[in-house]
Structures are given as structure tokens and as C-alpha cells.
């Protein structure tokens, strides 16, 4: 008589945390993501009233380190400062990702700069994480345009800073109404590294703890 025992496939023994998420309407997938750092430069990055400079720098650093850890391409953009020179970006970004190419633009909206848009398109990725100052301008405008262009936009709220609580909340509400998503560095770390016990997860753990104690 044939055996009545059922054969269990080995791959059915995999744990949920071992299964990669390859397609999702709501989740952030490293292989489909690019990071845009906007106007994190002297004279602008120290203006926000909704976050301390230390807290902002920790958020930007955490995001940059996650991008480096998971191989997520990143782009930085600046506007001309008060002097004629090319502004530098926060050292926390280059410390994590190396010397990024920085695009200096004259458009208020980074997505309306041809070089920036071509660079993002060339990545072949449809999810864009945005970090910058000010939330009301350098973050909000490309978030709205990017969403209109069909990108999945996530604003990394603890890597952004606004000019006032009132105007920043207005910007966040408008973005959400337009389909833009909000995310924190801590959430992003746990999402990209769901198994905190494996090698990548262990590298993400210090970032999670730093954000938890950032104040």
C-alpha cells in the first residue's frame, strides 16, 4: 500500500522573518528605494524650530547609515547660500555614505530639477525617502511632485525639521492627504532588518537604540 504520510517540503520550515518581502503596497523594500537629502547645509540645517540640532543630526545620521548598510542609493541637493561658494552638506551624511555628489539647484522643488529627476529615474526605483530642511519647502514640494509622478514617497520625519509646529503640521497634513507616507528612522530600521538576530539586524540594532535615546 502506498504510504499515507505526507511529505513536508523543506522550504515550508522557513520562519516568517526569513522570508524577504519582494512586493508590497505599504512596506519599504531596500532594493526599490532611493534617498533624497534636501538642503541639509550650513545656514539652513540649523534653522528648524521643531527639532533640536542634535536630534536632527542623529536622525539624518541614522538614515544615512541605514542607506549604507542596505545598499540604498542616495542623492543630496542644496541651494546657494549667502556666499557664492558651493554649500557643504551635513558631515553625518558623508561619514556614512562617502562623498556624495551634490546637486545645486535653483528650483524650490527638487523634483523640478532635471538633473535630480534624471538621477532618480536612472536608479530604476519607485520608492523615495526624503530627509531635509525645511519640511514646509524642501521636503514638501518634492514629496508632492514625486507622488504626482507615481513614486511612493516616504518622509522620514525625524530626519526633517520645520520652521514652526503650526506650519510643519500643515505641510505634513497636506502631504498625507496627497498620498505621501510618514516614517521614522527607528521604524525604517526595523522594517529593513526584520530579523534583529541575523547579521544585518545586529548592525541595525545600534541605530534603533540611538534613535530611541535621542530625546
Protein backbone atom coordinates (compact mmCIF):
# COMPACT_ATOMS: atom_id res chain seq x y z
CA UNK A 1 0.00 0.00 0.00
CA UNK A 2 1.27 3.49 -0.72
CA UNK A 3 2.36 5.41 2.33
CA UNK A 4 -0.21 7.79 3.74
CA UNK A 5 2.47 10.02 5.23
CA UNK A 6 2.59 13.49 3.82
CA UNK A 7 5.96 14.77 2.70
CA UNK A 8 6.77 18.17 4.12
CA UNK A 9 8.77 20.43 1.86
CA UNK A 10 11.91 21.79 3.46
CA UNK A 11 11.13 25.36 2.46
CA UNK A 12 7.87 25.20 4.41
CA UNK A 13 10.01 25.15 7.54
CA UNK A 14 11.27 28.66 6.94
CA UNK A 15 10.41 31.19 9.60
CA UNK A 16 8.41 34.29 8.64
CA UNK A 17 11.33 36.57 9.47
CA UNK A 18 13.49 34.66 6.95
CA UNK A 19 11.12 35.40 4.06
CA UNK A 20 12.05 38.51 2.07
CA UNK A 21 9.27 40.92 1.17
CA UNK A 22 9.61 41.43 -2.57
CA UNK A 23 6.42 43.30 -3.47
CA UNK A 24 4.34 45.49 -1.21
CA UNK A 25 1.98 48.44 -1.43
CA UNK A 26 2.83 49.60 2.07
CA UNK A 27 6.28 48.30 3.05
CA UNK A 28 9.67 49.80 2.24
CA UNK A 29 11.91 47.45 0.25
CA UNK A 30 15.62 48.35 0.16
CA UNK A 31 16.03 47.16 -3.44
CA UNK A 32 13.28 49.54 -4.62
CA UNK A 33 14.36 52.59 -2.62
CA UNK A 34 16.45 55.74 -3.06
CA UNK A 35 17.13 58.50 -0.51
CA UNK A 36 16.95 62.24 -1.18
CA UNK A 37 18.69 64.57 1.29
CA UNK A 38 17.45 68.11 0.69
CA UNK A 39 19.14 71.33 1.83
CA UNK A 40 20.93 69.84 4.85
CA UNK A 41 23.57 72.55 4.62
CA UNK A 42 25.01 75.30 6.84
CA UNK A 43 22.68 78.24 7.24
CA UNK A 44 19.59 76.11 6.62
CA UNK A 45 20.01 72.92 8.65
CA UNK A 46 20.42 74.98 11.82
CA UNK A 47 17.19 76.95 11.30
CA UNK A 48 14.45 74.48 12.37
CA UNK A 49 12.38 75.31 15.42
CA UNK A 50 10.57 71.95 15.62
CA UNK A 51 13.62 69.81 16.39
CA UNK A 52 16.96 70.40 18.12
CA UNK A 53 20.11 70.40 16.05
CA UNK A 54 21.38 67.33 17.90
CA UNK A 55 18.15 65.41 17.31
CA UNK A 56 18.09 66.33 13.63
CA UNK A 57 21.71 65.26 13.17
CA UNK A 58 21.02 61.91 14.83
CA UNK A 59 18.06 61.35 12.56
CA UNK A 60 19.99 62.24 9.41
CA UNK A 61 22.94 60.11 10.56
CA UNK A 62 20.68 57.14 11.28
CA UNK A 63 19.06 57.40 7.84
CA UNK A 64 22.42 57.71 6.08
CA UNK A 65 23.80 54.71 7.97
CA UNK A 66 20.78 52.60 7.06
CA UNK A 67 21.23 53.58 3.41
CA UNK A 68 24.88 52.49 3.59
CA UNK A 69 24.03 49.25 5.40
CA UNK A 70 21.36 48.16 2.92
CA UNK A 71 22.98 49.49 -0.24
CA UNK A 72 20.32 52.14 -0.88
CA UNK A 73 21.50 54.82 -3.33
CA UNK A 74 21.37 58.38 -2.06
CA UNK A 75 21.39 61.85 -3.58
CA UNK A 76 21.99 65.20 -1.90
CA UNK A 77 20.80 68.56 -3.13
CA UNK A 78 21.49 72.09 -1.91
CA UNK A 79 20.61 75.66 -2.77
CA UNK A 80 23.06 78.52 -2.94
CA UNK A 81 23.86 80.01 0.41
CA UNK A 82 24.56 83.59 1.29
CA UNK A 83 28.06 83.41 -0.14
CA UNK A 84 28.91 82.43 -3.69
CA UNK A 85 30.53 79.11 -2.81
CA UNK A 86 29.03 75.66 -3.16
CA UNK A 87 27.48 74.73 0.21
CA UNK A 88 28.66 71.62 2.03
CA UNK A 89 26.19 69.09 3.39
CA UNK A 90 25.97 67.71 6.91
CA UNK A 91 29.14 65.71 7.66
CA UNK A 92 27.00 62.89 9.09
CA UNK A 93 25.85 62.07 5.55
CA UNK A 94 29.32 61.78 4.02
CA UNK A 95 30.60 59.99 7.10
CA UNK A 96 28.14 57.17 6.46
CA UNK A 97 27.95 57.17 2.67
CA UNK A 98 31.24 58.61 1.50
CA UNK A 99 31.45 61.79 -0.55
CA UNK A 100 28.11 62.05 -2.31
CA UNK A 101 27.67 64.03 -5.49
CA UNK A 102 25.75 67.15 -4.52
CA UNK A 103 23.39 68.82 -6.96
CA UNK A 104 23.00 72.57 -6.52
CA UNK A 105 19.63 73.72 -7.79
CA UNK A 106 17.69 76.94 -8.28
CA UNK A 107 14.23 75.34 -8.18
CA UNK A 108 12.33 75.34 -4.88
CA UNK A 109 11.15 71.81 -5.75
CA UNK A 110 13.99 69.29 -6.15
CA UNK A 111 11.82 67.13 -8.43
CA UNK A 112 11.61 70.02 -10.87
CA UNK A 113 15.38 69.97 -11.34
CA UNK A 114 16.19 67.99 -14.48
CA UNK A 115 19.47 66.56 -13.15
CA UNK A 116 17.90 65.33 -9.93
CA UNK A 117 14.89 63.80 -11.66
CA UNK A 118 17.08 62.04 -14.24
CA UNK A 119 19.32 60.68 -11.48
CA UNK A 120 16.37 59.28 -9.55
CA UNK A 121 14.81 57.84 -12.71
CA UNK A 122 18.11 56.19 -13.61
CA UNK A 123 18.07 54.26 -10.33
CA UNK A 124 15.02 52.37 -11.59
CA UNK A 125 13.47 52.53 -8.12
CA UNK A 126 9.98 53.74 -7.26
CA UNK A 127 10.26 54.41 -3.51
CA UNK A 128 11.84 57.68 -2.38
CA UNK A 129 12.74 58.52 1.21
CA UNK A 130 13.03 62.28 1.78
CA UNK A 131 15.01 63.99 4.54
CA UNK A 132 15.59 67.71 4.70
CA UNK A 133 15.02 71.23 5.93
CA UNK A 134 12.62 72.85 5.82
CA UNK A 135 9.74 70.39 5.95
CA UNK A 136 7.46 73.11 4.60
CA UNK A 137 9.54 73.69 1.46
CA UNK A 138 12.49 71.44 0.63
CA UNK A 139 10.62 68.32 1.79
CA UNK A 140 7.00 69.06 0.98
CA UNK A 141 7.35 70.24 -2.62
CA UNK A 142 9.35 67.25 -3.99
CA UNK A 143 7.14 64.91 -1.95
CA UNK A 144 4.02 66.25 -3.68
CA UNK A 145 5.59 66.27 -7.14
CA UNK A 146 7.13 62.83 -6.68
CA UNK A 147 3.77 61.45 -5.64
CA UNK A 148 2.15 63.00 -8.72
CA UNK A 149 4.83 61.34 -10.86
CA UNK A 150 3.96 57.91 -9.48
CA UNK A 151 6.69 57.47 -6.87
CA UNK A 152 5.98 56.03 -3.44
CA UNK A 153 7.15 58.86 -1.20
CA UNK A 154 8.09 58.44 2.45
CA UNK A 155 9.05 61.48 4.51
CA UNK A 156 11.47 60.49 7.28
CA UNK A 157 10.03 62.75 9.96
CA UNK A 158 12.90 62.60 12.46
CA UNK A 159 15.38 63.46 9.71
CA UNK A 160 13.48 66.64 8.85
CA UNK A 161 12.95 69.99 10.55
CA UNK A 162 10.30 72.67 10.24
CA UNK A 163 10.12 76.38 10.86
CA UNK A 164 7.23 76.15 13.33
CA UNK A 165 4.97 73.43 14.68
CA UNK A 166 1.97 75.05 13.03
CA UNK A 167 3.46 75.31 9.53
CA UNK A 168 5.16 71.92 9.71
CA UNK A 169 1.92 70.21 10.73
CA UNK A 170 0.15 71.91 7.83
CA UNK A 171 2.81 70.57 5.47
CA UNK A 172 2.62 67.03 6.88
CA UNK A 173 -1.17 67.01 6.68
CA UNK A 174 -1.16 68.22 3.10
CA UNK A 175 1.40 65.59 2.11
CA UNK A 176 -0.56 62.79 3.77
CA UNK A 177 -3.75 63.94 2.05
CA UNK A 178 -1.85 63.66 -1.26
CA UNK A 179 -0.82 60.07 -0.53
CA UNK A 180 2.63 60.71 0.91
CA UNK A 181 3.68 58.39 3.74
CA UNK A 182 5.43 59.29 7.00
CA UNK A 183 8.06 57.08 8.63
CA UNK A 184 10.67 57.34 11.40
CA UNK A 185 14.28 56.16 11.33
CA UNK A 186 13.54 53.61 14.05
CA UNK A 187 10.60 52.13 12.13
CA UNK A 188 12.67 52.11 8.94
CA UNK A 189 15.48 50.20 10.66
CA UNK A 190 13.11 47.53 11.93
CA UNK A 191 11.39 47.29 8.57
CA UNK A 192 14.59 46.85 6.58
CA UNK A 193 16.04 44.43 9.15
CA UNK A 194 13.04 42.42 10.43
CA UNK A 195 15.24 39.74 11.99
CA UNK A 196 17.33 41.58 14.57
CA UNK A 197 19.20 38.37 15.33
CA UNK A 198 20.87 37.97 11.94
CA UNK A 199 23.97 39.78 10.72
CA UNK A 200 22.16 42.74 9.14
CA UNK A 201 19.79 43.03 12.07
CA UNK A 202 22.68 43.18 14.52
CA UNK A 203 24.14 46.07 12.55
CA UNK A 204 20.79 47.88 12.62
CA UNK A 205 20.28 47.46 16.38
CA UNK A 206 22.69 50.29 17.41
CA UNK A 207 20.81 52.69 15.13
CA UNK A 208 17.49 51.71 16.74
CA UNK A 209 18.91 52.29 20.22
CA UNK A 210 20.44 55.62 19.26
CA UNK A 211 17.12 56.85 17.92
CA UNK A 212 15.29 55.56 21.00
CA UNK A 213 17.55 57.62 23.24
CA UNK A 214 17.88 60.67 21.00
CA UNK A 215 15.43 62.66 23.11
